[in-house]
Amino acid sequence: MDKEILAKASSLIELTNGNICNHCLGRKFSDVVKGNGNVERGEKIRKALELPEYDEDTKCDICSDIFKEIDSSLLDLVCEKIDFLEVEFDTFVVGCKLPKEIVEKDALISEKLGLDVEILKREVNREMGKLLEKNLPQEVDFDKEDVIIMADFRRMLKEDVENPVQVRIQINPIFIEGRYNKLVRNIPQTKWPCRKCKGRGCEACNFTGKQYPESVEELLSQTALKYSKGYEAKFHGAGREDIDVRMLGDGRPFVLEIKEPRIRKLDLEKIEREANEAALGKTAYHNLKYTVRKRKAEIKTSSPDTYKVYRALVECEDEIREEDLDKLQSLHTIQQRTPIRVSHRRADKIREKEVKELSCKYINPHSFEMIIKTEGGLYIKELISSDEGRSKPSVSEVLGTQAICAELDVIEVGIK
């Protein structure tokens, strides 16, 4: 073995008063000493220095025998926690929290000896992973982990502590994609906190904390949570319709995120069927399937390919003729300043949006039906009313009379 390596190894043993386990000794030279793991490297170094084997009755001056704790108690602690939570998973990764004193001492010794090797935490994680993968039916997967098994060793330096190592299992969410229809008006897409009490509960909301008794989100999530035994659900829609607007046609895409599900393998057809039965006549859910985390961002991202098709019942202040509706074919590029009704929560700026297709059906001198296909993000109510001139051009401007959207339905949502 190289003399420089042995000299540094001697200095390391001297710095630790000879109390250094083979894990830590081998790790400090893992980049220059060959071996099947750090324990074997440590044994090689001891043999080259003609030192006796490491005395297991002593305490390592660097790691305070953290690897003994792993070997003696970690597996039992993890199994107890899994049984207690009754958590279902196929894949996992591990993580750890170490005492600050140990981390700082390990780094200081490496700095003193000019050693640039992996930190203690990395080896602790690796040894934990090897132990658990060998003894659990599940496997380590760094790309698709169902749970993170976190071991907290920060109490191990304290005296008279009953449980020096604590285990926490972080259950990663599952994501379910589908489409929904909203068949009636005055149901919000997501849970809407009471305006008066901000969700705390008061007489105005009958102490529910909600402005409206139900939502598209809740009518599905209550069934999904029942079967997944999750902590809570979060709804991610590809945009949203106003509360007084129906969502018809093939429905609007969404992703339902279920947090901390103790059951991951769900019968999605059963959940879809039960949710539809419970919400009969109000909402409907279709084509539920598992998806990945990034999908919730993808469905929210606007692109030139996204579009919406609306059906609007338009009412006009002055009388119009059927031939007047032909003028609306001039609506193409719309300059739209943030509408007054959402200006309190949206940035005040002008957005340019395209009308892709438009057709009209004359009803009477004061009303007509309009089917309009637009680029995603165009505000239809304001396109019709002009929103005090904030939308240019508008239906009101082109027809020369004040027009309002009396009813609005979304009949198609197109996304990537």
Protein backbone atom coordinates (compact mmCIF):
# COMPACT_ATOMS: atom_id res chain seq x y z
CA MET A 1 0.00 0.00 0.00
CA ASP A 2 1.27 3.50 -0.84
CA LYS A 3 3.41 5.10 1.93
CA GLU A 4 1.49 8.40 1.73
CA ILE A 5 -1.79 6.56 2.27
CA LEU A 6 -0.37 4.70 5.24
CA ALA A 7 1.01 7.92 6.70
CA LYS A 8 -2.39 9.60 6.50
CA ALA A 9 -4.04 6.48 7.91
CA SER A 10 -1.63 6.54 10.86
CA SER A 11 -2.45 10.21 11.45
CA LEU A 12 -6.17 9.41 11.31
CA ILE A 13 -5.82 6.63 13.88
CA GLU A 14 -3.80 8.96 16.08
CA LEU A 15 -6.45 11.72 15.79
CA THR A 16 -9.11 9.25 16.95
CA ASN A 17 -6.97 7.70 19.70
CA GLY A 18 -7.22 4.42 17.86
CA ASN A 19 -10.98 4.35 18.29
CA ILE A 20 -12.15 4.24 14.70
CA CYS A 21 -14.36 1.58 13.19
CA ASN A 22 -13.57 -0.08 9.88
CA HIS A 23 -16.51 1.68 8.24
CA CYS A 24 -15.01 5.10 8.96
CA LEU A 25 -11.39 4.07 8.41
CA GLY A 26 -12.17 2.53 5.01
CA ARG A 27 -14.43 5.42 3.97
CA LYS A 28 -11.70 7.99 4.49
CA PHE A 29 -9.60 6.17 1.87
CA SER A 30 -12.36 4.82 -0.37
CA ASP A 31 -10.93 6.70 -3.37
CA VAL A 32 -7.44 5.20 -3.12
CA VAL A 33 -7.78 1.77 -1.47
CA LYS A 34 -9.47 -1.05 -3.34
CA GLY A 35 -11.94 -3.26 -1.55
CA ASN A 36 -15.44 -4.66 -1.50
CA GLY A 37 -16.91 -1.95 0.70
CA ASN A 38 -15.46 0.33 3.34
CA VAL A 39 -15.27 -2.35 6.04
CA GLU A 40 -12.93 -4.43 3.87
CA ARG A 41 -10.85 -1.33 3.07
CA GLY A 42 -10.54 -0.58 6.77
CA GLU A 43 -9.38 -4.13 7.49
CA LYS A 44 -6.77 -3.87 4.73
CA ILE A 45 -5.41 -0.63 6.17
CA ARG A 46 -5.16 -2.13 9.68
CA LYS A 47 -3.32 -5.14 8.30
CA ALA A 48 -0.90 -2.93 6.32
CA LEU A 49 -0.19 -0.90 9.49
CA GLU A 50 0.13 -4.13 11.50
CA LEU A 51 -2.61 -3.02 13.87
CA PRO A 52 -4.88 -5.34 15.83
CA GLU A 53 -8.47 -5.84 14.70
CA TYR A 54 -10.97 -3.17 15.72
CA ASP A 55 -12.22 -3.73 19.25
CA GLU A 56 -16.01 -3.93 18.97
CA ASP A 57 -16.33 -3.01 22.65
CA THR A 58 -14.93 0.47 22.02
CA LYS A 59 -16.88 3.37 20.55
CA CYS A 60 -15.84 4.86 17.21
CA ASP A 61 -14.59 8.40 17.76
CA ILE A 62 -16.10 9.55 14.44
CA CYS A 63 -19.50 7.90 14.02
CA SER A 64 -20.16 6.92 17.66
CA ASP A 65 -20.99 3.40 16.45
CA ILE A 66 -23.90 4.43 14.29
CA PHE A 67 -23.42 1.30 12.16
CA LYS A 68 -23.91 -0.89 15.23
CA GLU A 69 -27.23 0.86 15.79
CA ILE A 70 -28.20 0.10 12.20
CA ASP A 71 -27.30 -3.56 12.51
CA SER A 72 -28.92 -4.07 15.90
CA SER A 73 -32.19 -2.15 15.78
CA LEU A 74 -33.03 -0.50 12.45
CA LEU A 75 -34.82 -3.42 10.79
CA ASP A 76 -37.08 -4.03 13.78
CA LEU A 77 -37.94 -0.34 14.05
CA VAL A 78 -38.81 -0.11 10.37
CA CYS A 79 -40.97 -3.24 10.45
CA GLU A 80 -42.80 -1.98 13.54
CA LYS A 81 -43.55 1.32 11.82
CA ILE A 82 -44.75 -0.41 8.64
CA ASP A 83 -47.05 -2.65 10.65
CA PHE A 84 -48.37 0.26 12.70
CA LEU A 85 -49.17 2.38 9.65
CA GLU A 86 -50.44 -0.59 7.64
CA VAL A 87 -48.82 1.04 4.65
CA GLU A 88 -48.74 -0.62 1.23
CA PHE A 89 -45.68 -0.02 -0.97
CA ASP A 90 -43.45 -1.73 -3.52
CA THR A 91 -40.44 0.58 -3.67
CA PHE A 92 -38.54 2.73 -1.23
CA VAL A 93 -35.46 4.85 -0.66
CA VAL A 94 -33.80 5.70 2.63
CA GLY A 95 -32.63 8.87 4.30
CA CYS A 96 -31.14 9.81 7.64
CA LYS A 97 -30.61 12.65 10.07
CA LEU A 98 -27.34 12.60 12.00
CA PRO A 99 -26.19 14.44 15.13
CA LYS A 100 -24.62 17.76 14.23
CA GLU A 101 -21.57 16.96 16.38
CA ILE A 102 -20.83 13.80 14.39
CA VAL A 103 -21.22 15.51 11.01
CA GLU A 104 -18.96 18.41 11.99
CA LYS A 105 -16.26 16.17 13.47
CA ASP A 106 -16.23 13.95 10.40
CA ALA A 107 -15.82 16.99 8.12
CA LEU A 108 -13.09 18.53 10.34
CA ILE A 109 -10.98 15.36 10.28
CA SER A 110 -11.23 15.10 6.50
CA GLU A 111 -10.17 18.75 6.21
CA LYS A 112 -7.19 18.28 8.55
CA LEU A 113 -5.87 15.31 6.59
CA GLY A 114 -6.73 16.70 3.15
CA LEU A 115 -9.16 13.89 2.38
CA ASP A 116 -11.83 14.47 -0.24
CA VAL A 117 -14.13 11.47 0.15
CA GLU A 118 -17.84 10.78 0.62
CA ILE A 119 -19.53 12.11 3.71
CA LEU A 120 -20.70 9.87 6.54
CA LYS A 121 -24.37 10.41 5.70
CA ARG A 122 -23.95 8.80 2.30
CA GLU A 123 -22.51 5.62 3.75
CA VAL A 124 -25.16 5.49 6.45
CA ASN A 125 -27.84 5.69 3.76
CA ARG A 126 -26.14 3.01 1.70
CA GLU A 127 -25.82 0.59 4.62
CA MET A 128 -29.41 1.19 5.64
CA GLY A 129 -30.55 0.54 2.08
CA LYS A 130 -28.57 -2.70 1.82
CA LEU A 131 -29.93 -3.98 5.12
CA LEU A 132 -33.56 -3.17 4.35
CA GLU A 133 -33.51 -4.36 0.74
CA LYS A 134 -32.07 -7.67 1.90
CA ASN A 135 -34.76 -8.19 4.56
CA LEU A 136 -37.87 -6.52 3.15
CA PRO A 137 -39.94 -7.81 0.21
CA GLN A 138 -39.85 -4.33 -1.34
CA GLU A 139 -36.94 -2.95 -3.35
CA VAL A 140 -34.98 0.28 -3.57
CA ASP A 141 -35.95 2.50 -6.52
CA PHE A 142 -34.53 6.00 -6.74
CA ASP A 143 -36.82 7.02 -9.61
CA LYS A 144 -40.21 5.73 -8.47
CA GLU A 145 -40.07 5.40 -4.70
CA ASP A 146 -43.41 4.82 -3.01
CA VAL A 147 -42.07 5.70 0.44
CA ILE A 148 -38.99 7.27 2.01
CA ILE A 149 -37.78 5.50 5.14
CA MET A 150 -36.14 8.15 7.31
CA ALA A 151 -33.99 7.19 10.32
CA ASP A 152 -33.27 9.91 12.86
CA PHE A 153 -30.06 9.28 14.85
CA ARG A 154 -29.87 12.73 16.43
CA ARG A 155 -30.81 11.45 19.91
CA MET A 156 -28.12 8.76 20.06
CA LEU A 157 -25.50 11.00 21.73
CA LYS A 158 -27.83 11.89 24.59
CA GLU A 159 -27.57 9.88 27.78
CA ASP A 160 -30.40 7.78 29.18
CA VAL A 161 -32.52 8.06 26.04
CA GLU A 162 -34.95 5.18 25.73
CA ASN A 163 -35.24 5.31 21.93
CA PRO A 164 -31.97 6.68 20.48
CA VAL A 165 -33.06 5.90 16.90
CA GLN A 166 -36.44 6.98 15.57
CA VAL A 167 -37.96 5.93 12.26
CA ARG A 168 -40.43 7.91 10.18
CA ILE A 169 -41.98 6.71 6.94
CA GLN A 170 -42.80 9.42 4.42
CA ILE A 171 -45.50 8.15 2.09
CA ASN A 172 -45.26 9.71 -1.34
CA PRO A 173 -48.47 10.77 -3.09
CA ILE A 174 -50.20 8.96 -5.92
CA PHE A 175 -51.58 10.79 -8.95
CA ILE A 176 -54.78 9.88 -10.78
CA GLU A 177 -55.63 11.47 -14.13
CA GLY A 178 -59.06 11.70 -15.71
CA ARG A 179 -61.70 14.03 -17.10
CA TYR A 180 -64.74 15.49 -15.41
CA ASN A 181 -68.09 16.93 -16.41
CA LYS A 182 -69.95 19.50 -14.34
CA LEU A 183 -73.58 18.98 -15.24
CA VAL A 184 -75.16 21.73 -13.14
CA ARG A 185 -74.28 25.32 -12.36
CA ASN A 186 -73.15 26.80 -9.05
CA ILE A 187 -70.70 24.06 -8.09
CA PRO A 188 -67.06 25.21 -7.85
CA GLN A 189 -64.23 23.10 -9.20
CA THR A 190 -62.38 22.99 -5.87
CA LYS A 191 -63.27 23.47 -2.23
CA TRP A 192 -64.09 27.15 -1.68
CA PRO A 193 -63.43 28.53 1.83
CA CYS A 194 -66.20 30.59 3.42
CA ARG A 195 -65.69 34.25 2.57
CA LYS A 196 -66.69 35.35 6.05
CA CYS A 197 -64.61 33.05 8.26
CA LYS A 198 -61.89 32.07 5.73
CA GLY A 199 -62.50 28.37 6.33
CA ARG A 200 -62.50 28.37 10.14
CA GLY A 201 -66.25 27.74 10.43
CA CYS A 202 -69.01 30.15 11.39
CA GLU A 203 -72.79 30.52 11.44
CA ALA A 204 -72.84 31.84 7.87
CA CYS A 205 -71.40 28.57 6.52
CA ASN A 206 -73.11 26.35 9.10
CA PHE A 207 -69.65 25.77 10.60
CA THR A 208 -68.46 23.84 7.54
CA GLY A 209 -65.81 26.42 6.64
CA LYS A 210 -67.05 26.25 3.03
CA GLN A 211 -68.76 28.81 0.83
CA TYR A 212 -70.45 26.03 -1.15
CA PRO A 213 -71.42 22.63 0.28
CA GLU A 214 -69.68 20.57 -2.41
CA SER A 215 -67.28 20.83 -5.32
CA VAL A 216 -66.05 18.82 -8.31
CA GLU A 217 -62.96 18.03 -6.26
CA GLU A 218 -64.78 16.81 -3.15
CA LEU A 219 -67.36 14.71 -4.97
CA LEU A 220 -64.49 12.57 -6.30
CA SER A 221 -61.90 12.84 -3.54
CA GLN A 222 -64.20 11.60 -0.78
CA THR A 223 -64.45 8.26 -2.58
CA ALA A 224 -60.76 8.14 -3.53
CA LEU A 225 -59.69 8.90 0.04
CA LYS A 226 -61.98 6.21 1.42
CA TYR A 227 -60.21 3.49 -0.56
CA SER A 228 -56.66 4.89 -0.49
CA LYS A 229 -56.80 5.79 3.23
CA GLY A 230 -55.00 8.97 2.25
CA TYR A 231 -54.50 12.05 4.40
CA GLU A 232 -55.98 14.54 1.93
CA ALA A 233 -56.48 15.10 -1.79
CA LYS A 234 -55.59 18.03 -4.02
CA PHE A 235 -57.26 18.70 -7.36
CA HIS A 236 -55.28 20.00 -10.35
CA GLY A 237 -57.46 20.99 -13.32
CA ALA A 238 -56.52 21.99 -16.87
CA GLY A 239 -57.89 25.45 -16.18
CA ARG A 240 -61.26 25.97 -14.53
CA GLU A 241 -64.71 27.15 -15.50
CA ASP A 242 -66.58 29.79 -13.52
CA ILE A 243 -68.91 28.51 -10.84
CA ASP A 244 -71.98 29.33 -12.97
CA VAL A 245 -70.60 27.55 -16.05
CA ARG A 246 -71.22 23.91 -16.92
CA MET A 247 -68.45 21.64 -18.21
CA LEU A 248 -69.96 19.38 -20.88
CA GLY A 249 -68.68 17.33 -23.82
CA ASP A 250 -65.78 14.97 -23.15
CA GLY A 251 -64.95 16.84 -19.96
CA ARG A 252 -62.01 18.80 -18.59
CA PRO A 253 -58.70 17.01 -17.85
CA PHE A 254 -57.57 16.88 -14.23
CA VAL A 255 -55.08 15.20 -11.94
CA LEU A 256 -56.11 14.18 -8.43
CA GLU A 257 -53.17 14.07 -6.02
CA ILE A 258 -53.72 11.84 -3.00
CA LYS A 259 -51.32 12.61 -0.18
CA GLU A 260 -49.99 9.92 2.17
CA PRO A 261 -52.04 7.03 0.77
CA ARG A 262 -51.66 3.91 2.87
CA ILE A 263 -53.15 1.86 0.03
CA ARG A 264 -51.65 2.50 -3.41
CA LYS A 265 -53.15 -0.27 -5.51
CA LEU A 266 -56.66 0.98 -6.14
CA ASP A 267 -59.52 -0.28 -8.24
CA LEU A 268 -59.93 2.92 -10.25
CA GLU A 269 -62.94 1.60 -12.14
CA LYS A 270 -64.70 0.99 -8.83
CA ILE A 271 -63.79 4.46 -7.54
CA GLU A 272 -65.03 6.03 -10.79
CA ARG A 273 -68.28 4.09 -10.61
CA GLU A 274 -68.96 4.91 -6.94
CA ALA A 275 -68.07 8.60 -7.34
CA ASN A 276 -70.43 8.90 -10.30
CA GLU A 277 -73.23 7.19 -8.39
CA ALA A 278 -72.74 9.51 -5.39
CA ALA A 279 -72.66 12.64 -7.57
CA LEU A 280 -75.40 11.54 -9.96
CA GLY A 281 -76.73 14.46 -11.97
CA LYS A 282 -74.17 16.93 -10.61
CA THR A 283 -70.72 15.79 -11.77
CA ALA A 284 -69.28 12.85 -13.68
CA TYR A 285 -65.76 11.42 -13.91
CA HIS A 286 -64.25 9.42 -16.76
CA ASN A 287 -61.19 7.37 -17.73
CA LEU A 288 -59.42 7.38 -14.36
CA LYS A 289 -55.84 6.13 -14.64
CA TYR A 290 -52.58 6.40 -12.75
CA THR A 291 -50.18 9.09 -13.89
CA VAL A 292 -46.92 10.71 -12.76
CA ARG A 293 -46.19 13.84 -10.74
CA LYS A 294 -45.12 15.96 -13.71
CA ARG A 295 -48.50 15.47 -15.39
CA LYS A 296 -50.20 17.91 -12.98
CA ALA A 297 -47.95 20.68 -14.34
CA GLU A 298 -48.30 19.56 -17.96
CA ILE A 299 -52.08 19.89 -18.03
CA LYS A 300 -51.82 23.43 -16.64
CA THR A 301 -49.24 24.57 -19.19
CA SER A 302 -50.59 26.64 -22.07
CA SER A 303 -49.34 25.95 -25.58
CA PRO A 304 -50.40 26.91 -29.10
CA ASP A 305 -52.23 23.58 -29.32
CA THR A 306 -54.54 24.15 -26.35
CA TYR A 307 -58.04 25.36 -27.10
CA LYS A 308 -61.54 25.58 -25.63
CA VAL A 309 -64.95 25.40 -27.29
CA TYR A 310 -67.82 27.26 -25.63
CA ARG A 311 -71.56 27.59 -26.10
CA ALA A 312 -72.86 30.99 -24.99
CA LEU A 313 -76.38 32.34 -24.75
CA VAL A 314 -75.99 36.03 -25.58
CA GLU A 315 -78.58 38.67 -24.70
CA CYS A 316 -78.52 42.12 -26.33
CA GLU A 317 -79.85 45.40 -24.98
CA ASP A 318 -81.04 46.62 -28.40
CA GLU A 319 -82.73 44.61 -31.11
CA ILE A 320 -80.51 42.83 -33.63
CA ARG A 321 -81.23 41.21 -36.99
CA GLU A 322 -80.13 37.74 -37.97
CA GLU A 323 -77.81 39.15 -40.65
CA ASP A 324 -76.07 41.27 -38.00
CA LEU A 325 -74.53 38.09 -36.60
CA ASP A 326 -72.39 37.74 -39.75
CA LYS A 327 -70.36 40.71 -38.48
CA LEU A 328 -69.02 38.56 -35.63
CA GLN A 329 -66.85 36.64 -38.13
CA SER A 330 -64.52 39.65 -37.87
CA LEU A 331 -63.53 38.55 -34.34
CA HIS A 332 -60.06 37.06 -34.73
CA THR A 333 -57.26 38.56 -32.65
CA ILE A 334 -58.47 39.80 -29.28
CA GLN A 335 -56.57 42.19 -27.02
CA GLN A 336 -57.83 41.48 -23.54
CA ARG A 337 -56.83 43.33 -20.40
CA THR A 338 -57.21 41.37 -17.18
CA PRO A 339 -60.97 41.38 -16.44
CA ILE A 340 -62.28 43.54 -13.62
CA ARG A 341 -63.83 40.52 -11.86
CA VAL A 342 -60.46 38.73 -11.47
CA SER A 343 -58.15 41.76 -11.22
CA HIS A 344 -57.80 41.24 -7.46
CA ARG A 345 -56.03 37.91 -8.02
CA ARG A 346 -54.48 38.16 -11.49
CA ALA A 347 -51.71 40.38 -12.80
CA ASP A 348 -53.04 43.46 -14.60
CA LYS A 349 -51.79 43.05 -18.15
CA ILE A 350 -53.01 42.79 -21.72
CA ARG A 351 -53.14 39.31 -23.24
CA GLU A 352 -53.51 38.62 -26.95
CA LYS A 353 -55.70 35.61 -27.73
CA GLU A 354 -57.09 34.12 -30.93
CA VAL A 355 -60.64 33.21 -31.91
CA LYS A 356 -60.23 30.08 -34.03
CA GLU A 357 -63.84 29.43 -35.11
CA LEU A 358 -67.21 31.05 -34.48
CA SER A 359 -70.81 30.28 -35.44
CA CYS A 360 -74.11 31.81 -34.35
CA LYS A 361 -77.76 30.77 -34.17
CA TYR A 362 -80.38 33.54 -34.11
CA ILE A 363 -83.07 33.07 -31.43
CA ASN A 364 -84.99 36.34 -31.32
CA PRO A 365 -84.29 40.09 -31.71
CA HIS A 366 -82.61 40.21 -28.33
CA SER A 367 -80.76 36.91 -28.07
CA PHE A 368 -78.69 34.37 -29.97
CA GLU A 369 -76.54 31.33 -29.32
CA MET A 370 -72.84 31.46 -30.11
CA ILE A 371 -70.45 28.50 -30.49
CA ILE A 372 -66.88 29.72 -30.26
CA LYS A 373 -63.54 27.93 -30.41
CA THR A 374 -60.72 29.93 -28.89
CA GLU A 375 -57.14 29.76 -27.79
CA GLY A 376 -56.91 28.74 -24.13
CA GLY A 377 -57.07 31.65 -21.73
CA LEU A 378 -59.57 33.87 -23.55
CA TYR A 379 -62.27 35.21 -21.21
CA ILE A 380 -65.59 34.61 -23.01
CA LYS A 381 -67.88 36.67 -20.80
CA GLU A 382 -65.65 39.70 -21.33
CA LEU A 383 -65.30 38.99 -25.04
CA ILE A 384 -69.08 39.36 -25.18
CA SER A 385 -69.61 42.33 -22.84
CA SER A 386 -66.34 44.20 -23.65
CA ASP A 387 -65.73 44.57 -19.89
CA GLU A 388 -65.93 48.37 -20.06
CA GLY A 389 -63.67 48.40 -23.10
CA ARG A 390 -60.98 46.11 -21.65
CA SER A 391 -61.64 43.50 -24.40
CA LYS A 392 -61.10 44.73 -27.95
CA PRO A 393 -62.81 43.95 -30.21
CA SER A 394 -65.87 42.48 -28.50
CA VAL A 395 -69.32 41.20 -29.42
CA SER A 396 -70.84 44.37 -27.95
CA GLU A 397 -68.55 46.59 -30.03
CA VAL A 398 -69.12 44.72 -33.28
CA LEU A 399 -72.93 44.60 -32.89
CA GLY A 400 -73.14 48.17 -31.62
CA THR A 401 -75.22 47.27 -28.58
CA GLN A 402 -74.47 46.14 -25.07
CA ALA A 403 -74.41 42.35 -24.95
CA ILE A 404 -74.05 40.03 -21.98
CA CYS A 405 -73.42 36.32 -21.55
CA ALA A 406 -76.61 35.00 -19.97
CA GLU A 407 -75.43 31.35 -19.89
CA LEU A 408 -72.13 29.71 -20.69
CA ASP A 409 -71.10 26.09 -21.18
CA VAL A 410 -67.70 24.64 -21.95
CA ILE A 411 -68.23 21.88 -24.49
CA GLU A 412 -64.65 20.91 -25.33
CA VAL A 413 -61.18 21.27 -23.79
CA GLY A 414 -58.23 20.37 -25.95
CA ILE A 415 -54.76 19.92 -24.43
CA LYS A 416 -51.52 18.22 -25.33
